[in-house]
N, C-alpha and C. Protein backbone atom coordinates (compact mmCIF):
# COMPACT_ATOMS: atom_id res chain seq x y z
N GLN A 1 0.80 -1.11 -0.16
CA GLN A 1 -0.15 0.18 -0.15
C GLN A 1 0.67 0.95 0.05
N VAL A 2 0.49 2.25 -0.29
CA VAL A 2 1.14 3.88 -0.91
C VAL A 2 -0.21 4.74 -0.18
N GLN A 3 0.48 5.40 0.53
CA GLN A 3 -0.42 6.54 1.00
C GLN A 3 0.32 7.97 0.70
N LEU A 4 -0.36 8.54 0.20
CA LEU A 4 -0.15 9.93 -0.38
C LEU A 4 -0.91 10.88 0.35
N VAL A 5 0.21 11.99 0.92
CA VAL A 5 -0.22 13.80 1.73
C VAL A 5 0.14 14.56 1.18
N GLU A 6 -1.00 15.46 0.25
CA GLU A 6 -0.46 16.56 -0.06
C GLU A 6 -0.43 18.01 0.95
N PHE A 7 0.34 18.96 0.51
CA PHE A 7 0.40 20.40 1.36
C PHE A 7 1.26 20.96 0.54
N GLY A 8 0.78 22.49 1.08
CA GLY A 8 1.25 23.60 0.43
C GLY A 8 0.22 24.60 -0.73
N GLY A 9 -1.01 24.10 -0.34
CA GLY A 9 -2.18 24.69 -0.73
C GLY A 9 -2.44 26.39 -0.12
N GLY A 10 -3.03 26.72 -0.94
CA GLY A 10 -3.44 28.12 0.07
C GLY A 10 -3.76 28.96 -0.77
N SER A 11 -4.23 30.50 -0.38
CA SER A 11 -4.89 31.22 -0.83
C SER A 11 -3.72 32.26 -1.71
N VAL A 12 -4.17 32.77 -3.24
CA VAL A 12 -3.10 33.70 -3.31
C VAL A 12 -3.84 34.43 -4.33
N GLN A 13 -3.08 35.69 -4.76
CA GLN A 13 -3.83 36.68 -5.77
C GLN A 13 -3.47 36.02 -6.91
N ALA A 14 -4.03 36.40 -8.06
CA ALA A 14 -3.92 36.24 -9.51
C ALA A 14 -2.32 36.85 -9.73
N GLY A 15 -1.59 36.17 -10.43
CA GLY A 15 -0.56 36.28 -10.92
C GLY A 15 0.50 35.51 -10.06
N GLY A 16 0.50 35.29 -9.19
CA GLY A 16 0.96 35.02 -7.77
C GLY A 16 1.44 33.53 -8.17
N SER A 17 2.13 32.68 -6.87
CA SER A 17 2.79 31.50 -7.47
C SER A 17 2.64 30.47 -5.97
N LEU A 18 2.93 29.32 -6.00
CA LEU A 18 2.40 28.51 -5.03
C LEU A 18 3.26 26.90 -5.43
N ARG A 19 3.63 25.97 -4.27
CA ARG A 19 4.03 24.86 -4.67
C ARG A 19 3.69 24.19 -4.00
N LEU A 20 2.66 23.17 -4.42
CA LEU A 20 2.31 22.17 -3.85
C LEU A 20 3.15 21.05 -3.84
N SER A 21 3.03 20.30 -2.66
CA SER A 21 4.05 18.80 -2.52
C SER A 21 2.90 17.88 -2.11
N CYS A 22 3.83 16.50 -2.60
CA CYS A 22 3.05 15.31 -2.16
C CYS A 22 3.81 14.26 -1.76
N ALA A 23 3.99 13.94 -0.48
CA ALA A 23 4.78 13.43 -0.13
C ALA A 23 3.94 11.41 -0.04
N ALA A 24 5.04 10.65 -0.56
CA ALA A 24 4.96 9.27 -0.51
C ALA A 24 5.38 8.56 0.78
N PHE A 25 4.36 7.38 1.17
CA PHE A 25 4.70 6.69 2.34
C PHE A 25 4.28 5.34 1.98
N GLY A 26 4.79 4.10 2.37
CA GLY A 26 4.77 2.95 2.43
C GLY A 26 5.55 2.23 0.89
N TYR A 27 4.84 1.24 0.54
CA TYR A 27 5.61 0.44 -0.83
C TYR A 27 5.79 1.34 -2.05
N THR A 28 6.67 2.33 -2.03
CA THR A 28 6.90 3.18 -2.91
C THR A 28 8.07 3.05 -4.19
N TYR A 29 8.53 1.89 -3.88
CA TYR A 29 9.28 1.39 -4.78
C TYR A 29 8.78 0.81 -6.13
N ASN A 30 7.39 0.69 -6.05
CA ASN A 30 6.90 0.19 -7.22
C ASN A 30 5.77 1.32 -7.98
N ILE A 31 6.14 2.42 -7.44
CA ILE A 31 5.20 3.27 -8.33
C ILE A 31 6.38 3.97 -9.20
N TYR A 32 5.69 4.18 -10.51
CA TYR A 32 6.19 4.37 -11.66
C TYR A 32 5.93 5.70 -12.28
N CYS A 33 4.75 5.88 -12.15
CA CYS A 33 3.98 7.18 -12.57
C CYS A 33 3.07 7.83 -11.72
N MET A 34 3.13 9.11 -11.80
CA MET A 34 2.79 10.32 -10.64
C MET A 34 2.06 11.00 -11.36
N ALA A 35 0.85 11.77 -11.01
CA ALA A 35 0.20 12.72 -11.76
C ALA A 35 -0.45 13.74 -10.72
N TRP A 36 -0.65 14.86 -11.02
CA TRP A 36 -1.64 15.97 -10.41
C TRP A 36 -3.01 16.31 -11.00
N PHE A 37 -3.69 16.11 -10.14
CA PHE A 37 -5.31 16.65 -10.88
C PHE A 37 -5.89 17.39 -10.05
N ARG A 38 -6.75 17.96 -10.48
CA ARG A 38 -7.41 19.04 -9.89
C ARG A 38 -8.92 19.26 -10.28
N GLN A 39 -9.83 19.26 -9.33
CA GLN A 39 -11.09 19.45 -9.23
C GLN A 39 -11.70 21.02 -8.61
N ALA A 40 -12.44 21.48 -9.70
CA ALA A 40 -13.31 22.85 -9.04
C ALA A 40 -14.71 22.27 -9.15
N PRO A 41 -15.50 23.36 -7.75
CA PRO A 41 -17.13 22.85 -7.71
C PRO A 41 -17.47 22.73 -8.74
N GLY A 42 -18.21 21.81 -8.88
CA GLY A 42 -19.13 21.70 -10.12
C GLY A 42 -18.51 21.08 -11.62
N ARG A 43 -17.67 20.93 -11.20
CA ARG A 43 -16.72 20.33 -12.83
C ARG A 43 -16.08 19.04 -12.42
N GLU A 44 -15.72 18.62 -13.55
CA GLU A 44 -15.25 17.04 -13.34
C GLU A 44 -13.52 17.46 -13.10
N ARG A 45 -13.29 16.34 -12.33
CA ARG A 45 -11.68 16.30 -12.04
C ARG A 45 -10.84 16.36 -13.39
N GLU A 46 -9.75 17.16 -13.49
CA GLU A 46 -9.13 17.28 -14.57
C GLU A 46 -7.51 17.09 -14.04
N GLY A 47 -7.05 16.30 -15.18
CA GLY A 47 -5.72 15.49 -15.00
C GLY A 47 -4.79 16.76 -15.47
N ILE A 48 -3.92 17.24 -14.89
CA ILE A 48 -3.13 18.38 -15.51
C ILE A 48 -1.73 18.21 -15.49
N ALA A 49 -1.20 17.24 -14.78
CA ALA A 49 -0.02 16.66 -15.35
C ALA A 49 0.78 15.56 -15.14
N THR A 50 1.55 15.18 -15.34
CA THR A 50 2.04 13.59 -14.94
C THR A 50 3.44 13.49 -15.20
N ILE A 51 4.07 12.48 -14.80
CA ILE A 51 5.50 12.53 -14.73
C ILE A 51 5.92 11.09 -14.71
N ASP A 52 7.00 10.22 -15.63
CA ASP A 52 7.19 9.36 -15.42
C ASP A 52 8.44 9.04 -14.59
N THR A 53 8.15 8.37 -13.44
CA THR A 53 9.00 8.26 -12.39
C THR A 53 10.31 7.87 -12.55
N GLY A 54 10.28 6.98 -13.63
CA GLY A 54 11.86 6.31 -13.88
C GLY A 54 12.56 7.14 -15.04
N GLY A 55 11.78 7.65 -16.37
CA GLY A 55 12.73 8.29 -17.28
C GLY A 55 12.63 10.05 -17.19
N GLY A 56 11.35 10.26 -16.59
CA GLY A 56 11.33 11.54 -15.87
C GLY A 56 10.35 12.42 -17.39
N SER A 57 10.12 11.69 -18.17
CA SER A 57 9.28 12.37 -18.80
C SER A 57 8.03 12.92 -18.30
N THR A 58 6.97 14.12 -18.87
CA THR A 58 6.26 14.84 -18.26
C THR A 58 5.04 15.30 -19.30
N TYR A 59 3.98 15.48 -18.84
CA TYR A 59 2.84 15.71 -19.69
C TYR A 59 2.41 16.93 -18.98
N TYR A 60 1.69 17.98 -19.59
CA TYR A 60 0.80 19.17 -19.52
C TYR A 60 -0.51 19.44 -20.40
N ALA A 61 -1.47 19.30 -19.14
CA ALA A 61 -2.90 19.99 -19.97
C ALA A 61 -2.27 21.39 -20.60
N ASP A 62 -3.31 21.39 -21.58
CA ASP A 62 -2.91 22.80 -22.20
C ASP A 62 -3.47 24.02 -21.63
N SER A 63 -4.16 23.97 -20.30
CA SER A 63 -4.38 24.95 -19.18
C SER A 63 -3.58 25.10 -18.17
N VAL A 64 -2.33 24.49 -18.24
CA VAL A 64 -1.39 24.87 -17.35
C VAL A 64 -0.05 24.65 -17.93
N LYS A 65 0.04 24.50 -19.36
CA LYS A 65 1.58 24.51 -19.93
C LYS A 65 1.79 25.81 -19.94
N GLY A 66 3.16 25.73 -19.25
CA GLY A 66 3.88 27.19 -19.51
C GLY A 66 3.89 27.46 -18.32
N ARG A 67 2.93 27.32 -17.20
CA ARG A 67 2.75 28.16 -16.72
C ARG A 67 3.26 27.04 -14.91
N PHE A 68 2.99 25.40 -15.02
CA PHE A 68 2.99 24.96 -13.94
C PHE A 68 4.19 23.92 -14.35
N THR A 69 4.93 23.26 -13.39
CA THR A 69 6.01 22.75 -13.54
C THR A 69 5.77 21.23 -12.38
N ILE A 70 6.10 19.97 -12.79
CA ILE A 70 5.82 18.76 -12.39
C ILE A 70 7.30 18.42 -12.25
N SER A 71 7.65 17.86 -10.77
CA SER A 71 8.95 17.71 -10.55
C SER A 71 8.86 16.24 -9.64
N GLN A 72 9.91 15.86 -9.43
CA GLN A 72 9.93 14.91 -8.32
C GLN A 72 11.14 14.92 -7.43
N ASP A 73 11.37 14.60 -6.26
CA ASP A 73 12.57 14.24 -5.48
C ASP A 73 12.81 12.76 -4.91
N ASN A 74 13.21 12.01 -5.60
CA ASN A 74 13.22 10.37 -5.31
C ASN A 74 13.89 10.19 -4.01
N ALA A 75 14.58 11.21 -3.49
CA ALA A 75 15.32 10.70 -2.40
C ALA A 75 14.26 10.99 -1.30
N LYS A 76 13.60 11.93 -1.38
CA LYS A 76 12.33 12.23 -0.36
C LYS A 76 11.41 11.72 -0.65
N ASP A 77 11.13 10.70 -1.52
CA ASP A 77 9.81 10.30 -1.93
C ASP A 77 8.50 11.06 -2.25
N THR A 78 9.09 12.44 -2.95
CA THR A 78 7.81 13.85 -3.02
C THR A 78 7.71 13.87 -4.19
N LEU A 79 6.65 14.09 -4.83
CA LEU A 79 6.30 14.93 -5.62
C LEU A 79 5.91 16.43 -5.42
N TYR A 80 6.00 17.41 -6.75
CA TYR A 80 5.96 18.51 -6.35
C TYR A 80 5.35 18.89 -7.71
N LEU A 81 4.63 20.18 -7.29
CA LEU A 81 3.75 20.81 -8.37
C LEU A 81 4.07 22.67 -8.33
N GLN A 82 5.04 23.09 -9.05
CA GLN A 82 5.02 24.52 -9.01
C GLN A 82 4.46 24.96 -10.16
N MET A 83 3.47 26.09 -9.18
CA MET A 83 2.40 26.69 -10.03
C MET A 83 2.82 28.10 -10.05
N ASN A 84 2.89 28.74 -11.41
CA ASN A 84 3.58 30.08 -11.46
C ASN A 84 2.28 30.82 -12.35
N SER A 85 2.17 32.12 -12.30
CA SER A 85 1.23 32.95 -13.09
C SER A 85 -0.19 32.48 -12.93
N LEU A 86 -0.65 32.35 -11.56
CA LEU A 86 -1.99 31.35 -11.22
C LEU A 86 -3.07 32.49 -11.64
N LYS A 87 -4.09 31.94 -12.08
CA LYS A 87 -4.89 32.86 -12.50
C LYS A 87 -6.59 32.17 -11.79
N PRO A 88 -7.84 33.09 -11.70
CA PRO A 88 -8.73 32.45 -10.90
C PRO A 88 -9.41 31.23 -11.22
N GLU A 89 -8.96 30.95 -12.36
CA GLU A 89 -9.68 29.73 -13.03
C GLU A 89 -8.77 28.41 -12.69
N ASP A 90 -7.52 28.73 -11.90
CA ASP A 90 -6.67 27.64 -11.39
C ASP A 90 -7.35 27.05 -10.07
N THR A 91 -8.40 27.90 -9.63
CA THR A 91 -9.13 27.54 -8.25
C THR A 91 -9.52 26.17 -8.25
N ALA A 92 -9.24 25.55 -7.20
CA ALA A 92 -9.46 23.89 -7.28
C ALA A 92 -9.14 23.40 -6.33
N MET A 93 -9.48 22.06 -5.68
CA MET A 93 -8.98 20.71 -4.84
C MET A 93 -7.86 20.43 -5.60
N TYR A 94 -6.77 20.29 -5.11
CA TYR A 94 -5.69 19.37 -6.22
C TYR A 94 -5.35 18.06 -5.45
N TYR A 95 -5.30 17.38 -6.44
CA TYR A 95 -4.81 16.10 -5.64
C TYR A 95 -3.54 15.44 -6.43
N CYS A 96 -2.74 14.61 -5.59
CA CYS A 96 -1.34 13.98 -6.48
C CYS A 96 -2.01 12.77 -6.41
N ALA A 97 -1.62 11.80 -7.55
CA ALA A 97 -1.97 10.45 -7.81
C ALA A 97 -0.80 9.61 -8.00
N ALA A 98 -0.81 8.06 -7.88
CA ALA A 98 -0.07 7.43 -8.23
C ALA A 98 -0.09 6.16 -8.55
N ARG A 99 0.57 5.40 -9.59
CA ARG A 99 0.45 4.15 -10.44
C ARG A 99 1.55 3.32 -9.90
N PRO A 100 1.07 2.23 -9.71
CA PRO A 100 2.13 1.23 -9.43
C PRO A 100 2.56 0.27 -10.68
N SER A 101 2.78 0.99 -11.84
CA SER A 101 2.68 0.32 -12.93
C SER A 101 3.59 1.69 -14.06
N LEU A 102 3.91 1.25 -15.06
CA LEU A 102 4.02 2.23 -16.11
C LEU A 102 2.99 3.31 -16.39
N CYS A 103 3.38 4.43 -16.80
CA CYS A 103 2.46 5.30 -17.16
C CYS A 103 1.59 4.98 -18.62
N VAL A 104 0.33 5.11 -18.63
CA VAL A 104 -0.33 4.64 -19.53
C VAL A 104 0.12 5.53 -20.64
N VAL A 105 0.51 5.32 -22.04
CA VAL A 105 0.86 6.18 -23.25
C VAL A 105 -0.57 6.11 -24.24
N GLY A 106 -1.52 7.08 -24.42
CA GLY A 106 -2.40 7.01 -24.95
C GLY A 106 -2.42 7.70 -26.22
N ARG A 107 -3.41 8.28 -26.93
CA ARG A 107 -3.68 9.34 -27.97
C ARG A 107 -3.07 10.27 -27.60
N TYR A 108 -3.14 10.85 -26.17
CA TYR A 108 -2.53 12.40 -25.75
C TYR A 108 -1.19 12.10 -25.14
N GLY A 109 -0.55 10.97 -25.41
CA GLY A 109 0.80 10.89 -24.85
C GLY A 109 0.51 10.53 -23.48
N LEU A 110 1.33 11.27 -22.43
CA LEU A 110 1.04 10.96 -20.91
C LEU A 110 -0.15 11.40 -20.10
N ALA A 111 -1.00 12.19 -21.01
CA ALA A 111 -2.23 12.61 -20.54
C ALA A 111 -2.89 11.46 -19.55
N PRO A 112 -3.10 11.85 -18.24
CA PRO A 112 -3.61 11.04 -17.13
C PRO A 112 -5.17 11.13 -17.06
N TYR A 113 -5.60 10.32 -16.91
CA TYR A 113 -7.15 9.54 -16.43
C TYR A 113 -7.05 8.93 -15.35
N SER A 114 -8.19 9.46 -14.24
CA SER A 114 -8.17 9.35 -12.74
C SER A 114 -8.26 7.51 -13.08
N ALA A 115 -9.24 7.06 -13.80
CA ALA A 115 -9.22 5.16 -13.96
C ALA A 115 -7.81 4.75 -13.76
N ASN A 116 -6.78 4.97 -14.28
CA ASN A 116 -5.62 4.64 -14.31
C ASN A 116 -4.49 4.73 -13.01
N PHE A 117 -5.30 5.27 -11.80
CA PHE A 117 -4.33 5.48 -10.77
C PHE A 117 -5.19 5.01 -9.68
N SER A 118 -4.13 4.16 -8.78
CA SER A 118 -4.53 3.33 -7.59
C SER A 118 -4.64 4.02 -6.23
N TYR A 119 -3.47 5.07 -6.30
CA TYR A 119 -3.75 5.76 -4.89
C TYR A 119 -3.64 7.16 -5.09
N TRP A 120 -4.45 7.52 -4.13
CA TRP A 120 -4.76 9.23 -4.16
C TRP A 120 -4.60 9.84 -2.60
N GLY A 121 -3.87 11.20 -2.95
CA GLY A 121 -4.05 11.90 -1.54
C GLY A 121 -5.27 12.88 -1.30
N GLN A 122 -5.49 12.97 -0.18
CA GLN A 122 -6.77 13.38 -0.01
C GLN A 122 -7.06 15.00 -0.02
N GLY A 123 -5.99 15.55 -0.95
CA GLY A 123 -6.22 17.08 -1.66
C GLY A 123 -5.84 17.93 -0.81
N THR A 124 -5.57 19.46 -1.57
CA THR A 124 -5.02 20.47 -0.85
C THR A 124 -6.01 21.56 -2.02
N GLN A 125 -6.14 22.93 -0.94
CA GLN A 125 -7.34 23.30 -1.76
C GLN A 125 -6.42 24.68 -2.13
N VAL A 126 -6.56 25.09 -3.40
CA VAL A 126 -5.73 26.35 -3.79
C VAL A 126 -6.90 27.27 -4.30
N THR A 127 -6.82 28.62 -3.66
CA THR A 127 -7.87 29.62 -4.03
C THR A 127 -7.17 31.03 -4.62
N VAL A 128 -7.51 31.05 -5.64
CA VAL A 128 -6.62 32.53 -6.48
C VAL A 128 -7.94 33.51 -6.76
N SER A 129 -7.38 34.52 -6.08
CA SER A 129 -8.47 35.47 -6.14
C SER A 129 -7.92 37.00 -7.16
N SER A 130 -8.85 37.26 -7.82
CA SER A 130 -8.56 38.20 -9.05
C SER A 130 -8.34 39.66 -8.52
């Protein structure tokens, strides 16, 4: 089993930055793919970034490309999401997720889909004010 704990969310003004962290505990040696998702009230969960923890390949949704960066610190079993140039539409609950196998490569490359991830954190709220 793997447990994921996110932290780093908060409130920020538009144009500001936040860094989310996701600490992994347990049998992390079999985690090969991790991702960040977000869900705003009344909207479907959106996969925004993926990282292949072995090779380092990444994917970003168009909505965050150029503003967000996913990274990892294997020594600390921690996943990060650096969020810059934040917009009010980035307001959402942010979740990290892990997959105990290779990332699924589909029509849109490493685009993450909820069904492909087994482990989830509890979420951390990000609120961006205009």
